[in-house]
């Protein structure tokens, strides 16, 4: 027997399984961005956030909370802040400890964003590369900035 659970469905495997909201397990944002014109821009790239193995940098030798930030500038400005998607395209990590990482796009504007990687505990990261994709409205020829 299949059960509906919002947009998901599942087949119970044990009597204690129940329908749950994904928000119970993940911090999700579900706001739909509505685009107002037909001029949609897609910008993308790949960036190496750090390579700390050769230099004994803090991501490789440190302990506790650590953070790296890299400012990414779009090839041309969007009309407003776009939606930005990040993905790990390469990471080199020590397998002797628990693997912990958090990759976020922060401070998103129409001109760029901050790509931020955080780790904590005894996780050792030698190097990390991330891909990004930005989708948003472009300015139209008849857009006016009055003030």
Protein backbone atom coordinates (compact mmCIF):
# COMPACT_ATOMS: atom_id res chain seq x y z
CA UNK A 1 0.00 0.00 0.00
CA UNK A 2 1.38 3.43 -0.98
CA UNK A 3 0.72 6.55 1.09
CA UNK A 4 0.70 10.14 -0.11
CA UNK A 5 2.81 12.61 1.82
CA UNK A 6 2.52 16.07 0.30
CA UNK A 7 4.25 15.91 -3.09
CA UNK A 8 5.95 12.63 -2.05
CA UNK A 9 4.66 9.09 -1.73
CA UNK A 10 6.18 6.16 0.10
CA UNK A 11 5.61 2.53 0.90
CA UNK A 12 5.77 1.73 4.63
CA UNK A 13 8.33 -0.91 5.58
CA UNK A 14 7.61 -1.02 9.29
CA UNK A 15 4.61 -0.07 11.41
CA UNK A 16 6.44 2.88 13.00
CA UNK A 17 7.13 4.72 9.76
CA UNK A 18 5.02 7.80 9.20
CA UNK A 19 4.51 10.60 6.76
CA UNK A 20 6.82 13.51 7.61
CA UNK A 21 7.55 16.98 6.32
CA UNK A 22 10.98 17.33 4.75
CA UNK A 23 11.38 20.58 6.71
CA UNK A 24 11.68 18.43 9.84
CA UNK A 25 15.04 17.20 8.55
CA UNK A 26 16.29 19.93 6.23
CA UNK A 27 16.33 23.71 6.36
CA UNK A 28 14.50 24.33 3.10
CA UNK A 29 13.42 27.47 1.36
CA UNK A 30 10.41 26.97 -0.86
CA UNK A 31 9.72 30.47 -2.15
CA UNK A 32 9.19 30.49 -5.90
CA UNK A 33 11.01 33.28 -7.72
CA UNK A 34 8.75 34.74 -10.40
CA UNK A 35 10.49 36.23 -13.43
CA UNK A 36 8.74 39.21 -15.03
CA UNK A 37 10.24 39.28 -18.50
CA UNK A 38 11.47 37.06 -21.29
CA UNK A 39 15.11 38.14 -20.91
CA UNK A 40 16.44 35.40 -18.66
CA UNK A 41 20.16 35.17 -18.00
CA UNK A 42 22.10 32.08 -16.98
CA UNK A 43 25.68 32.55 -15.79
CA UNK A 44 27.87 29.72 -14.53
CA UNK A 45 31.37 28.87 -13.47
CA UNK A 46 33.73 26.75 -11.41
CA UNK A 47 35.98 28.10 -8.67
CA UNK A 48 38.68 26.67 -6.43
CA UNK A 49 37.88 27.91 -2.93
CA UNK A 50 41.17 26.74 -1.44
CA UNK A 51 44.04 24.30 -1.73
CA UNK A 52 45.48 24.00 1.78
CA UNK A 53 47.38 20.71 1.56
CA UNK A 54 50.60 22.13 0.05
CA UNK A 55 50.72 25.14 2.39
CA UNK A 56 49.52 23.40 5.58
CA UNK A 57 46.59 25.84 5.64
CA UNK A 58 43.94 25.88 8.36
CA UNK A 59 41.41 23.77 6.44
CA UNK A 60 43.97 20.95 6.36
CA UNK A 61 45.72 21.38 9.72
CA UNK A 62 43.12 23.23 11.81
CA UNK A 63 40.49 22.02 14.22
CA UNK A 64 37.10 23.40 15.21
CA UNK A 65 35.02 25.85 13.21
CA UNK A 66 36.67 27.11 10.01
CA UNK A 67 35.38 29.09 7.04
CA UNK A 68 36.53 30.14 3.58
CA UNK A 69 34.84 32.80 1.49
CA UNK A 70 35.32 33.61 -2.18
CA UNK A 71 33.55 36.52 -3.91
CA UNK A 72 32.14 35.55 -7.31
CA UNK A 73 31.26 38.33 -9.78
CA UNK A 74 28.81 37.64 -12.60
CA UNK A 75 29.92 38.26 -16.18
CA UNK A 76 27.27 41.02 -16.33
CA UNK A 77 24.74 42.32 -13.78
CA UNK A 78 21.28 40.81 -13.51
CA UNK A 79 18.21 43.04 -13.15
CA UNK A 80 17.79 41.82 -9.54
CA UNK A 81 19.51 39.25 -7.34
CA UNK A 82 19.31 35.90 -9.20
CA UNK A 83 18.81 32.41 -7.83
CA UNK A 84 22.22 30.81 -7.25
CA UNK A 85 22.84 27.06 -7.12
CA UNK A 86 26.13 25.59 -5.84
CA UNK A 87 27.54 22.11 -6.20
CA UNK A 88 30.78 20.46 -5.13
CA UNK A 89 32.75 19.63 -8.27
CA UNK A 90 35.86 18.35 -6.44
CA UNK A 91 36.94 17.88 -2.89
CA UNK A 92 39.97 16.18 -1.45
CA UNK A 93 39.30 15.22 2.15
CA UNK A 94 41.01 13.10 4.79
CA UNK A 95 39.09 9.90 5.51
CA UNK A 96 40.50 9.48 9.03
CA UNK A 97 37.86 11.82 10.50
CA UNK A 98 34.17 12.48 10.06
CA UNK A 99 33.43 14.37 6.85
CA UNK A 100 31.62 17.62 7.69
CA UNK A 101 30.97 20.49 5.30
CA UNK A 102 28.54 23.25 4.50
CA UNK A 103 28.57 25.07 1.14
CA UNK A 104 26.38 28.19 0.84
CA UNK A 105 25.79 31.14 -1.48
CA UNK A 106 25.54 34.26 0.67
CA UNK A 107 25.27 38.02 0.13
CA UNK A 108 23.67 37.49 -3.30
CA UNK A 109 23.27 40.70 -5.30
CA UNK A 110 22.63 41.43 -8.96
CA UNK A 111 26.43 41.68 -9.46
CA UNK A 112 27.68 38.61 -7.60
CA UNK A 113 27.68 36.51 -4.43
CA UNK A 114 29.92 35.07 -1.73
CA UNK A 115 30.65 31.35 -2.01
CA UNK A 116 31.21 30.15 1.56
CA UNK A 117 32.46 26.77 2.74
CA UNK A 118 32.41 25.87 6.43
CA UNK A 119 33.67 22.85 8.30
CA UNK A 120 34.07 22.00 11.98
CA UNK A 121 35.40 19.42 14.38
CA UNK A 122 38.40 17.37 13.26
CA UNK A 123 37.49 17.34 9.55
CA UNK A 124 40.53 17.90 7.32
CA UNK A 125 39.93 19.29 3.83
CA UNK A 126 42.94 19.52 1.50
CA UNK A 127 41.23 21.31 -1.39
CA UNK A 128 37.79 22.18 -2.65
CA UNK A 129 36.33 23.29 -5.99
CA UNK A 130 32.68 24.23 -6.44
CA UNK A 131 30.51 24.86 -9.46
CA UNK A 132 27.86 27.57 -9.51
CA UNK A 133 24.86 28.47 -11.64
CA UNK A 134 22.93 31.75 -11.46
CA UNK A 135 19.53 32.21 -13.12
CA UNK A 136 17.66 35.50 -13.14
CA UNK A 137 16.15 38.37 -15.07
CA UNK A 138 18.28 40.58 -17.30
CA UNK A 139 17.64 44.25 -17.89
CA UNK A 140 15.52 45.15 -20.89
CA UNK A 141 16.50 47.91 -23.30
CA UNK A 142 13.57 50.03 -22.11
CA UNK A 143 14.30 49.66 -18.36
CA UNK A 144 14.78 53.10 -16.78
CA UNK A 145 16.45 53.98 -13.52
CA UNK A 146 14.66 57.16 -12.50
CA UNK A 147 16.22 57.69 -9.08
